[in-house]
Amino acid sequence: MVLEASAAAPLVRPDTREVLGRIGSLETRLARSEREIDAAQAVRYRVFVEEMKAQVDPDCARRQRDVDSWDGLCDHLLVLDRSIEGDAEDQVVGTYRLLRHEVAKANGGFYSGSEFNVDPLVARHPGKRFMELGRSCVLPQYRTKRTVELLWQGCWAYALQHRIDAMFGCGSFPGVRPEEHALALSFLYHNAVAKGDWAVDALPHLHREMDLMPEEAINARRALFAMPPLIKGYLRLGAMIGNGAVVDQAFNTTDVLIILPIASISGRYVNYYGADAGRFASAS
């Protein structure tokens, strides 16, 4: 589900020259050129369209690229495999799309506002800087611990550089039938739904219930096992979940909103990646 962004104002881009982390032949950094963004869109097409059967418009299908109007507003975090011969754009194996608070504010809001009522969340925290994470994907052969660690490393370094106070974004379950994920969704509802100043609801006309099983019937271990790795990883970091799921017919997913205040991140993960994001900054 896509909202059209308003006409984009000229953006002040962060320094894209810096490598944010390395593990072996893999490195993470921001895209440095339109060609590298195009490579990230090609990876997204392979994962979202060819693998997950998302629907895209005919032009995207012809070009074999996942593209929308938000791409020009966001920074694109990449994971590259330097052992692949060719230019940098031939080496992109994973990507994350990052939208900073001030850019979203100047250009019509956040992408996930098309599914979740995020504006009141932001308004309740006038002194905090938010960042939206989206379009996370990794090519199948690179879905390993170190690739995921590099994506986290990149997001963490970027958040520190831009003095981000909280991150949020959609996490997706495969398919458009929430009842097929009753165990995991019910676990999230009973154990992780954000409350108080961090509460967020799905938009009323899209809201699908997550409370599909009674709490006493939920086996926590089985629920976590049934959860997509990205959502499970966010929970381990200390994330909360918005109230209500949303079915995204175009992307063939059932979405929940993940909210992660920086102050809530588990201390062991801060220590692991480094309070200055130095854990993999010069790893080899």
C-alpha atoms as a PDB file:
ATOM      1  CA  MET A   1       0.000   0.000   0.000  1.00  0.00           C
ATOM      2  CA  VAL A   2       1.567   3.273  -1.108  1.00  0.00           C
ATOM      3  CA  LEU A   3       0.785   6.913  -0.425  1.00  0.00           C
ATOM      4  CA  GLU A   4       1.897   9.452  -2.976  1.00  0.00           C
ATOM      5  CA  ALA A   5       4.487  11.783  -1.503  1.00  0.00           C
ATOM      6  CA  SER A   6       4.229  15.498  -2.065  1.00  0.00           C
ATOM      7  CA  ALA A   7       6.765  17.233  -4.274  1.00  0.00           C
ATOM      8  CA  ALA A   8      10.132  16.529  -2.728  1.00  0.00           C
ATOM      9  CA  ALA A   9      12.141  19.413  -1.378  1.00  0.00           C
ATOM     10  CA  PRO A  10      15.911  19.342  -1.989  1.00  0.00           C
ATOM     11  CA  LEU A  11      17.417  17.022   0.589  1.00  0.00           C
ATOM     12  CA  VAL A  12      20.608  17.460   2.534  1.00  0.00           C
ATOM     13  CA  ARG A  13      22.116  14.017   2.205  1.00  0.00           C
ATOM     14  CA  PRO A  14      24.340  12.545   4.913  1.00  0.00           C
ATOM     15  CA  ASP A  15      27.906  11.621   4.079  1.00  0.00           C
ATOM     16  CA  THR A  16      27.569   8.440   1.996  1.00  0.00           C
ATOM     17  CA  ARG A  17      31.307   7.800   1.727  1.00  0.00           C
ATOM     18  CA  GLU A  18      31.576   6.184   5.144  1.00  0.00           C
ATOM     19  CA  VAL A  19      31.516   2.408   5.493  1.00  0.00           C
ATOM     20  CA  LEU A  20      29.364   1.683   8.553  1.00  0.00           C
ATOM     21  CA  GLY A  21      30.513  -1.879   9.153  1.00  0.00           C
ATOM     22  CA  ARG A  22      32.380  -4.886   7.772  1.00  0.00           C
ATOM     23  CA  ILE A  23      32.320  -8.618   8.425  1.00  0.00           C
ATOM     24  CA  GLY A  24      34.525 -10.691   6.133  1.00  0.00           C
ATOM     25  CA  SER A  25      33.703  -9.828   2.515  1.00  0.00           C
ATOM     26  CA  LEU A  26      30.466  -8.066   3.488  1.00  0.00           C
ATOM     27  CA  GLU A  27      30.175  -4.366   4.189  1.00  0.00           C
ATOM     28  CA  THR A  28      27.306  -2.010   4.968  1.00  0.00           C
ATOM     29  CA  ARG A  29      26.969   1.640   3.978  1.00  0.00           C
ATOM     30  CA  LEU A  30      24.524   4.051   2.378  1.00  0.00           C
ATOM     31  CA  ALA A  31      23.943   4.044  -1.374  1.00  0.00           C
ATOM     32  CA  ARG A  32      26.260   6.542  -3.067  1.00  0.00           C
ATOM     33  CA  SER A  33      24.617   6.882  -6.483  1.00  0.00           C
ATOM     34  CA  GLU A  34      21.401   6.426  -8.427  1.00  0.00           C
ATOM     35  CA  ARG A  35      22.882   3.256  -9.897  1.00  0.00           C
ATOM     36  CA  GLU A  36      23.328   1.786  -6.434  1.00  0.00           C
ATOM     37  CA  ILE A  37      19.745   2.718  -5.513  1.00  0.00           C
ATOM     38  CA  ASP A  38      18.645   1.023  -8.729  1.00  0.00           C
ATOM     39  CA  ALA A  39      20.555  -2.091  -7.629  1.00  0.00           C
ATOM     40  CA  ALA A  40      18.742  -2.018  -4.277  1.00  0.00           C
ATOM     41  CA  GLN A  41      15.415  -1.751  -6.112  1.00  0.00           C
ATOM     42  CA  ALA A  42      16.403  -4.789  -8.185  1.00  0.00           C
ATOM     43  CA  VAL A  43      17.101  -6.782  -5.010  1.00  0.00           C
ATOM     44  CA  ARG A  44      13.737  -5.681  -3.623  1.00  0.00           C
ATOM     45  CA  TYR A  45      12.020  -6.840  -6.825  1.00  0.00           C
ATOM     46  CA  ARG A  46      13.653 -10.260  -6.601  1.00  0.00           C
ATOM     47  CA  VAL A  47      12.542 -10.706  -2.980  1.00  0.00           C
ATOM     48  CA  PHE A  48       9.147  -8.983  -2.870  1.00  0.00           C
ATOM     49  CA  VAL A  49       7.824  -9.738  -6.358  1.00  0.00           C
ATOM     50  CA  GLU A  50       9.556 -12.889  -7.583  1.00  0.00           C
ATOM     51  CA  GLU A  51       9.739 -14.624  -4.202  1.00  0.00           C
ATOM     52  CA  MET A  52       6.843 -13.177  -2.167  1.00  0.00           C
ATOM     53  CA  LYS A  53       4.491 -12.511  -5.137  1.00  0.00           C
ATOM     54  CA  ALA A  54       3.887  -8.810  -4.472  1.00  0.00           C
ATOM     55  CA  GLN A  55       1.954  -6.925  -7.149  1.00  0.00           C
ATOM     56  CA  VAL A  56       3.630  -4.004  -8.887  1.00  0.00           C
ATOM     57  CA  ASP A  57       2.602  -1.739 -11.730  1.00  0.00           C
ATOM     58  CA  PRO A  58       3.427  -2.715 -15.341  1.00  0.00           C
ATOM     59  CA  ASP A  59       6.381  -0.335 -15.605  1.00  0.00           C
ATOM     60  CA  CYS A  60       8.024  -1.812 -12.482  1.00  0.00           C
ATOM     61  CA  ALA A  61       7.358  -5.319 -13.810  1.00  0.00           C
ATOM     62  CA  ARG A  62       8.915  -4.416 -17.174  1.00  0.00           C
ATOM     63  CA  ARG A  63      12.002  -2.936 -15.496  1.00  0.00           C
ATOM     64  CA  GLN A  64      12.096  -5.646 -12.799  1.00  0.00           C
ATOM     65  CA  ARG A  65      12.448  -3.010 -10.093  1.00  0.00           C
ATOM     66  CA  ASP A  66      10.437  -2.326  -6.915  1.00  0.00           C
ATOM     67  CA  VAL A  67      10.078   1.455  -7.079  1.00  0.00           C
ATOM     68  CA  ASP A  68       7.773   3.985  -5.456  1.00  0.00           C
ATOM     69  CA  SER A  69       7.630   7.722  -4.866  1.00  0.00           C
ATOM     70  CA  TRP A  70       9.275   7.395  -1.441  1.00  0.00           C
ATOM     71  CA  ASP A  71      12.574   6.156  -2.841  1.00  0.00           C
ATOM     72  CA  GLY A  72      13.697   9.673  -3.702  1.00  0.00           C
ATOM     73  CA  LEU A  73      13.093  10.848  -0.128  1.00  0.00           C
ATOM     74  CA  CYS A  74      14.818   8.032   1.728  1.00  0.00           C
ATOM     75  CA  ASP A  75      18.386   6.978   2.342  1.00  0.00           C
ATOM     76  CA  HIS A  76      19.136   3.440   1.195  1.00  0.00           C
ATOM     77  CA  LEU A  77      21.260   1.248   3.453  1.00  0.00           C
ATOM     78  CA  LEU A  78      23.083  -1.476   1.541  1.00  0.00           C
ATOM     79  CA  VAL A  79      24.884  -4.700   2.321  1.00  0.00           C
ATOM     80  CA  LEU A  80      27.457  -5.466  -0.355  1.00  0.00           C
ATOM     81  CA  ASP A  81      29.483  -8.615  -0.950  1.00  0.00           C
ATOM     82  CA  ARG A  82      32.905  -7.386  -2.019  1.00  0.00           C
ATOM     83  CA  SER A  83      33.908 -10.879  -3.162  1.00  0.00           C
ATOM     84  CA  ILE A  84      31.531 -10.574  -6.145  1.00  0.00           C
ATOM     85  CA  GLU A  85      33.333  -9.393  -9.267  1.00  0.00           C
ATOM     86  CA  GLY A  86      32.077  -6.188 -10.835  1.00  0.00           C
ATOM     87  CA  ASP A  87      31.060  -2.716  -9.749  1.00  0.00           C
ATOM     88  CA  ALA A  88      29.431  -1.873  -6.419  1.00  0.00           C
ATOM     89  CA  GLU A  89      25.931  -2.105  -7.888  1.00  0.00           C
ATOM     90  CA  ASP A  90      26.664  -5.724  -8.853  1.00  0.00           C
ATOM     91  CA  GLN A  91      27.527  -6.509  -5.226  1.00  0.00           C
ATOM     92  CA  VAL A  92      24.308  -5.406  -3.449  1.00  0.00           C
ATOM     93  CA  VAL A  93      22.806  -8.382  -1.579  1.00  0.00           C
ATOM     94  CA  GLY A  94      20.605  -6.663   1.016  1.00  0.00           C
ATOM     95  CA  THR A  95      18.972  -3.318   1.684  1.00  0.00           C
ATOM     96  CA  TYR A  96      16.966  -1.234   4.167  1.00  0.00           C
ATOM     97  CA  ARG A  97      15.161   2.025   3.447  1.00  0.00           C
ATOM     98  CA  LEU A  98      15.579   4.811   6.024  1.00  0.00           C
ATOM     99  CA  LEU A  99      13.333   7.874   6.338  1.00  0.00           C
ATOM    100  CA  ARG A 100      14.325  10.584   8.791  1.00  0.00           C
ATOM    101  CA  HIS A 101      11.813  12.604  10.786  1.00  0.00           C
ATOM    102  CA  GLU A 102      12.556  15.992   9.253  1.00  0.00           C
ATOM    103  CA  VAL A 103      12.428  14.619   5.703  1.00  0.00           C
ATOM    104  CA  ALA A 104       9.082  12.919   6.317  1.00  0.00           C
ATOM    105  CA  LYS A 105       7.682  16.076   7.917  1.00  0.00           C
ATOM    106  CA  ALA A 106       8.653  18.156   4.877  1.00  0.00           C
ATOM    107  CA  ASN A 107       7.241  15.672   2.363  1.00  0.00           C
ATOM    108  CA  GLY A 108       3.818  14.468   3.468  1.00  0.00           C
ATOM    109  CA  GLY A 109       4.547  12.179   6.405  1.00  0.00           C
ATOM    110  CA  PHE A 110       5.784   8.644   6.933  1.00  0.00           C
ATOM    111  CA  TYR A 111       5.199   5.716   4.563  1.00  0.00           C
ATOM    112  CA  SER A 112       3.637   3.545   7.277  1.00  0.00           C
ATOM    113  CA  GLY A 113       1.031   6.271   7.842  1.00  0.00           C
ATOM    114  CA  SER A 114      -0.861   4.578   4.996  1.00  0.00           C
ATOM    115  CA  GLU A 115      -1.605   1.685   7.387  1.00  0.00           C
ATOM    116  CA  PHE A 116      -1.091   2.934  10.947  1.00  0.00           C
ATOM    117  CA  ASN A 117      -2.037   6.130  12.779  1.00  0.00           C
ATOM    118  CA  VAL A 118       1.536   7.241  13.457  1.00  0.00           C
ATOM    119  CA  ASP A 119       0.967  11.006  13.550  1.00  0.00           C
ATOM    120  CA  PRO A 120      -0.407  11.027  17.136  1.00  0.00           C
ATOM    121  CA  LEU A 121       2.604   8.955  18.248  1.00  0.00           C
ATOM    122  CA  VAL A 122       5.005  11.534  16.846  1.00  0.00           C
ATOM    123  CA  ALA A 123       2.927  14.419  18.228  1.00  0.00           C
ATOM    124  CA  ARG A 124       3.067  12.962  21.760  1.00  0.00           C
ATOM    125  CA  HIS A 125       6.884  13.153  21.656  1.00  0.00           C
ATOM    126  CA  PRO A 126       7.610  16.679  20.373  1.00  0.00           C
ATOM    127  CA  GLY A 127      11.220  16.631  21.571  1.00  0.00           C
ATOM    128  CA  LYS A 128      12.109  13.280  19.995  1.00  0.00           C
ATOM    129  CA  ARG A 129      13.509  12.516  16.557  1.00  0.00           C
ATOM    130  CA  PHE A 130      11.950   9.532  14.783  1.00  0.00           C
ATOM    131  CA  MET A 131      13.241   7.350  11.961  1.00  0.00           C
ATOM    132  CA  GLU A 132      11.192   4.972   9.845  1.00  0.00           C
ATOM    133  CA  LEU A 133      12.673   1.676   8.661  1.00  0.00           C
ATOM    134  CA  GLY A 134      11.199  -0.110   5.667  1.00  0.00           C
ATOM    135  CA  ARG A 135      11.651  -2.321   2.623  1.00  0.00           C
ATOM    136  CA  SER A 136      14.063  -4.616   4.461  1.00  0.00           C
ATOM    137  CA  CYS A 137      15.184  -7.554   2.354  1.00  0.00           C
ATOM    138  CA  VAL A 138      18.153  -9.841   1.798  1.00  0.00           C
ATOM    139  CA  LEU A 139      18.774 -12.246  -1.077  1.00  0.00           C
ATOM    140  CA  PRO A 140      18.047 -15.866  -0.015  1.00  0.00           C
ATOM    141  CA  GLN A 141      21.650 -17.106  -0.080  1.00  0.00           C
ATOM    142  CA  TYR A 142      22.720 -14.248   2.232  1.00  0.00           C
ATOM    143  CA  ARG A 143      20.102 -14.753   4.947  1.00  0.00           C
ATOM    144  CA  THR A 144      22.696 -15.485   7.585  1.00  0.00           C
ATOM    145  CA  LYS A 145      23.474 -14.141  11.033  1.00  0.00           C
ATOM    146  CA  ARG A 146      26.300 -11.911   9.837  1.00  0.00           C
ATOM    147  CA  THR A 147      24.196 -10.255   7.122  1.00  0.00           C
ATOM    148  CA  VAL A 148      21.473  -9.480   9.653  1.00  0.00           C
ATOM    149  CA  GLU A 149      24.112  -8.192  12.073  1.00  0.00           C
ATOM    150  CA  LEU A 150      25.450  -5.844   9.421  1.00  0.00           C
ATOM    151  CA  LEU A 151      21.971  -4.472   8.679  1.00  0.00           C
ATOM    152  CA  TRP A 152      21.499  -3.815  12.404  1.00  0.00           C
ATOM    153  CA  GLN A 153      24.972  -2.303  12.584  1.00  0.00           C
ATOM    154  CA  GLY A 154      24.130   0.062   9.743  1.00  0.00           C
ATOM    155  CA  CYS A 155      20.799   1.113  11.251  1.00  0.00           C
ATOM    156  CA  TRP A 156      22.376   1.636  14.675  1.00  0.00           C
ATOM    157  CA  ALA A 157      25.266   3.710  13.295  1.00  0.00           C
ATOM    158  CA  TYR A 158      22.864   5.801  11.207  1.00  0.00           C
ATOM    159  CA  ALA A 159      20.575   6.366  14.201  1.00  0.00           C
ATOM    160  CA  LEU A 160      23.499   7.548  16.316  1.00  0.00           C
ATOM    161  CA  GLN A 161      24.781   9.856  13.587  1.00  0.00           C
ATOM    162  CA  HIS A 162      21.388  11.533  13.281  1.00  0.00           C
ATOM    163  CA  ARG A 163      20.577  11.579  17.008  1.00  0.00           C
ATOM    164  CA  ILE A 164      17.491   9.415  16.537  1.00  0.00           C
ATOM    165  CA  ASP A 165      15.359   8.802  19.627  1.00  0.00           C
ATOM    166  CA  ALA A 166      12.998   6.163  18.249  1.00  0.00           C
ATOM    167  CA  MET A 167      12.641   3.897  15.230  1.00  0.00           C
ATOM    168  CA  PHE A 168       9.493   2.373  13.803  1.00  0.00           C
ATOM    169  CA  GLY A 169       8.289   0.553  10.711  1.00  0.00           C
ATOM    170  CA  CYS A 170       6.118  -2.253   9.426  1.00  0.00           C
ATOM    171  CA  GLY A 171       7.008  -5.874  10.084  1.00  0.00           C
ATOM    172  CA  SER A 172       5.347  -8.410   7.812  1.00  0.00           C
ATOM    173  CA  PHE A 173       3.904 -11.897   8.098  1.00  0.00           C
ATOM    174  CA  PRO A 174       3.540 -13.757   4.783  1.00  0.00           C
ATOM    175  CA  GLY A 175       0.072 -13.971   3.275  1.00  0.00           C
ATOM    176  CA  VAL A 176      -3.167 -12.053   3.649  1.00  0.00           C
ATOM    177  CA  ARG A 177      -4.974 -14.287   6.168  1.00  0.00           C
ATOM    178  CA  PRO A 178      -4.160 -13.104   9.722  1.00  0.00           C
ATOM    179  CA  GLU A 179      -5.832 -16.196  11.190  1.00  0.00           C
ATOM    180  CA  GLU A 180      -3.008 -18.295   9.727  1.00  0.00           C
ATOM    181  CA  HIS A 181      -0.708 -16.468  12.174  1.00  0.00           C
ATOM    182  CA  ALA A 182      -3.100 -16.624  15.135  1.00  0.00           C
ATOM    183  CA  LEU A 183      -0.485 -17.966  17.561  1.00  0.00           C
ATOM    184  CA  ALA A 184       2.193 -15.342  16.805  1.00  0.00           C
ATOM    185  CA  LEU A 185      -0.239 -12.408  16.494  1.00  0.00           C
ATOM    186  CA  SER A 186      -1.975 -13.343  19.750  1.00  0.00           C
ATOM    187  CA  PHE A 187       1.380 -13.598  21.531  1.00  0.00           C
ATOM    188  CA  LEU A 188       2.255 -10.107  20.314  1.00  0.00           C
ATOM    189  CA  TYR A 189      -1.129  -8.770  21.410  1.00  0.00           C
ATOM    190  CA  HIS A 190      -0.848 -10.171  24.941  1.00  0.00           C
ATOM    191  CA  ASN A 191       2.853  -9.504  25.490  1.00  0.00           C
ATOM    192  CA  ALA A 192       4.160  -6.672  23.346  1.00  0.00           C
ATOM    193  CA  VAL A 193       1.443  -4.155  22.397  1.00  0.00           C
ATOM    194  CA  ALA A 194       2.632  -0.593  23.053  1.00  0.00           C
ATOM    195  CA  LYS A 195       0.695   1.381  25.633  1.00  0.00           C
ATOM    196  CA  GLY A 196       0.533   4.936  26.937  1.00  0.00           C
ATOM    197  CA  ASP A 197       2.592   7.497  25.053  1.00  0.00           C
ATOM    198  CA  TRP A 198       3.898   4.838  22.656  1.00  0.00           C
ATOM    199  CA  ALA A 199       0.513   3.394  21.662  1.00  0.00           C
ATOM    200  CA  VAL A 200      -0.332   3.250  17.953  1.00  0.00           C
ATOM    201  CA  ASP A 201      -3.439   1.796  16.303  1.00  0.00           C
ATOM    202  CA  ALA A 202      -3.983   0.482  12.820  1.00  0.00           C
ATOM    203  CA  LEU A 203      -6.154   2.826  10.773  1.00  0.00           C
ATOM    204  CA  PRO A 204      -9.800   1.994  11.626  1.00  0.00           C
ATOM    205  CA  HIS A 205     -10.842   0.943   8.126  1.00  0.00           C
ATOM    206  CA  LEU A 206      -7.844  -1.418   7.853  1.00  0.00           C
ATOM    207  CA  HIS A 207      -7.722  -2.735  11.435  1.00  0.00           C
ATOM    208  CA  ARG A 208      -7.645  -6.522  11.827  1.00  0.00           C
ATOM    209  CA  GLU A 209      -7.747  -8.087  15.263  1.00  0.00           C
ATOM    210  CA  MET A 210      -4.568  -9.637  16.662  1.00  0.00           C
ATOM    211  CA  ASP A 211      -6.306 -11.134  19.718  1.00  0.00           C
ATOM    212  CA  LEU A 212      -7.147 -14.423  18.024  1.00  0.00           C
ATOM    213  CA  MET A 213      -6.373 -16.831  20.890  1.00  0.00           C
ATOM    214  CA  PRO A 214      -6.877 -16.634  24.652  1.00  0.00           C
ATOM    215  CA  GLU A 215      -3.710 -15.844  26.560  1.00  0.00           C
ATOM    216  CA  GLU A 216      -3.762 -19.122  28.495  1.00  0.00           C
ATOM    217  CA  ALA A 217      -3.713 -21.094  25.230  1.00  0.00           C
ATOM    218  CA  ILE A 218      -0.506 -19.474  23.944  1.00  0.00           C
ATOM    219  CA  ASN A 219       2.770 -21.381  24.082  1.00  0.00           C
ATOM    220  CA  ALA A 220       5.393 -18.623  24.052  1.00  0.00           C
ATOM    221  CA  ARG A 221       8.178 -20.790  22.644  1.00  0.00           C
ATOM    222  CA  ARG A 222       6.038 -22.004  19.755  1.00  0.00           C
ATOM    223  CA  ALA A 223       4.778 -18.467  19.111  1.00  0.00           C
ATOM    224  CA  LEU A 224       8.321 -17.102  18.821  1.00  0.00           C
ATOM    225  CA  PHE A 225       9.317 -19.995  16.562  1.00  0.00           C
ATOM    226  CA  ALA A 226       6.385 -19.156  14.258  1.00  0.00           C
ATOM    227  CA  MET A 227       7.376 -15.499  13.992  1.00  0.00           C
ATOM    228  CA  PRO A 228       9.293 -13.983  11.052  1.00  0.00           C
ATOM    229  CA  PRO A 229      12.965 -13.530  12.040  1.00  0.00           C
ATOM    230  CA  LEU A 230      12.860  -9.744  11.588  1.00  0.00           C
ATOM    231  CA  ILE A 231       9.944  -9.301  13.994  1.00  0.00           C
ATOM    232  CA  LYS A 232      11.494 -11.722  16.491  1.00  0.00           C
ATOM    233  CA  GLY A 233      14.757  -9.787  16.266  1.00  0.00           C
ATOM    234  CA  TYR A 234      13.013  -6.504  17.010  1.00  0.00           C
ATOM    235  CA  LEU A 235      11.361  -8.045  20.080  1.00  0.00           C
ATOM    236  CA  ARG A 236      14.738  -9.180  21.380  1.00  0.00           C
ATOM    237  CA  LEU A 237      16.026  -5.633  21.019  1.00  0.00           C
ATOM    238  CA  GLY A 238      13.160  -4.353  23.175  1.00  0.00           C
ATOM    239  CA  ALA A 239      10.557  -3.310  20.600  1.00  0.00           C
ATOM    240  CA  MET A 240       6.833  -2.863  21.117  1.00  0.00           C
ATOM    241  CA  ILE A 241       4.018  -3.571  18.653  1.00  0.00           C
ATOM    242  CA  GLY A 242       1.118  -1.399  17.522  1.00  0.00           C
ATOM    243  CA  ASN A 243      -2.456  -2.477  18.167  1.00  0.00           C
ATOM    244  CA  GLY A 244      -4.053  -4.135  15.167  1.00  0.00           C
ATOM    245  CA  ALA A 245      -2.741  -5.827  12.041  1.00  0.00           C
ATOM    246  CA  VAL A 246      -3.216  -4.620   8.468  1.00  0.00           C
ATOM    247  CA  VAL A 247      -3.580  -6.800   5.385  1.00  0.00           C
ATOM    248  CA  ASP A 248      -1.546  -5.491   2.454  1.00  0.00           C
ATOM    249  CA  GLN A 249      -3.035  -7.140  -0.616  1.00  0.00           C
ATOM    250  CA  ALA A 250      -0.477  -5.642  -3.002  1.00  0.00           C
ATOM    251  CA  PHE A 251       2.497  -7.022  -1.082  1.00  0.00           C
ATOM    252  CA  ASN A 252       0.739 -10.253  -0.060  1.00  0.00           C
ATOM    253  CA  THR A 253       1.503  -9.656   3.620  1.00  0.00           C
ATOM    254  CA  THR A 254      -0.106  -9.094   6.996  1.00  0.00           C
ATOM    255  CA  ASP A 255       1.628  -6.149   8.658  1.00  0.00           C
ATOM    256  CA  VAL A 256       2.176  -5.073  12.245  1.00  0.00           C
ATOM    257  CA  LEU A 257       3.805  -1.838  13.359  1.00  0.00           C
ATOM    258  CA  ILE A 258       7.057  -2.131  15.294  1.00  0.00           C
ATOM    259  CA  ILE A 259       8.055   0.697  17.656  1.00  0.00           C
ATOM    260  CA  LEU A 260      11.564   0.802  19.121  1.00  0.00           C
ATOM    261  CA  PRO A 261      12.590   3.703  21.377  1.00  0.00           C
ATOM    262  CA  ILE A 262      16.380   3.887  21.511  1.00  0.00           C
ATOM    263  CA  ALA A 263      16.205   4.037  25.310  1.00  0.00           C
ATOM    264  CA  SER A 264      14.402   0.671  25.320  1.00  0.00           C
ATOM    265  CA  ILE A 265      17.076  -1.229  23.427  1.00  0.00           C
ATOM    266  CA  SER A 266      18.395  -4.034  25.571  1.00  0.00           C
ATOM    267  CA  GLY A 267      21.739  -3.151  27.171  1.00  0.00           C
ATOM    268  CA  ARG A 268      23.362  -6.351  25.951  1.00  0.00           C
ATOM    269  CA  TYR A 269      22.682  -5.352  22.334  1.00  0.00           C
ATOM    270  CA  VAL A 270      24.030  -1.844  22.879  1.00  0.00           C
ATOM    271  CA  ASN A 271      27.149  -3.421  24.359  1.00  0.00           C
ATOM    272  CA  TYR A 272      27.369  -5.926  21.507  1.00  0.00           C
ATOM    273  CA  TYR A 273      27.201  -3.370  18.690  1.00  0.00           C
ATOM    274  CA  GLY A 274      28.949  -0.691  20.699  1.00  0.00           C
ATOM    275  CA  ALA A 275      27.559   2.504  22.187  1.00  0.00           C
ATOM    276  CA  ASP A 276      29.413   4.267  19.347  1.00  0.00           C
ATOM    277  CA  ALA A 277      28.415   1.611  16.733  1.00  0.00           C
ATOM    278  CA  GLY A 278      32.037   0.458  16.641  1.00  0.00           C
ATOM    279  CA  ARG A 279      31.469  -3.304  16.907  1.00  0.00           C
ATOM    280  CA  PHE A 280      31.904  -4.048  13.201  1.00  0.00           C
ATOM    281  CA  ALA A 281      33.286  -0.704  12.087  1.00  0.00           C
ATOM    282  CA  SER A 282      36.672  -2.173  11.191  1.00  0.00           C
ATOM    283  CA  ALA A 283      36.032  -5.901  11.364  1.00  0.00           C
ATOM    284  CA  SER A 284      37.708  -8.001   8.717  1.00  0.00           C
END
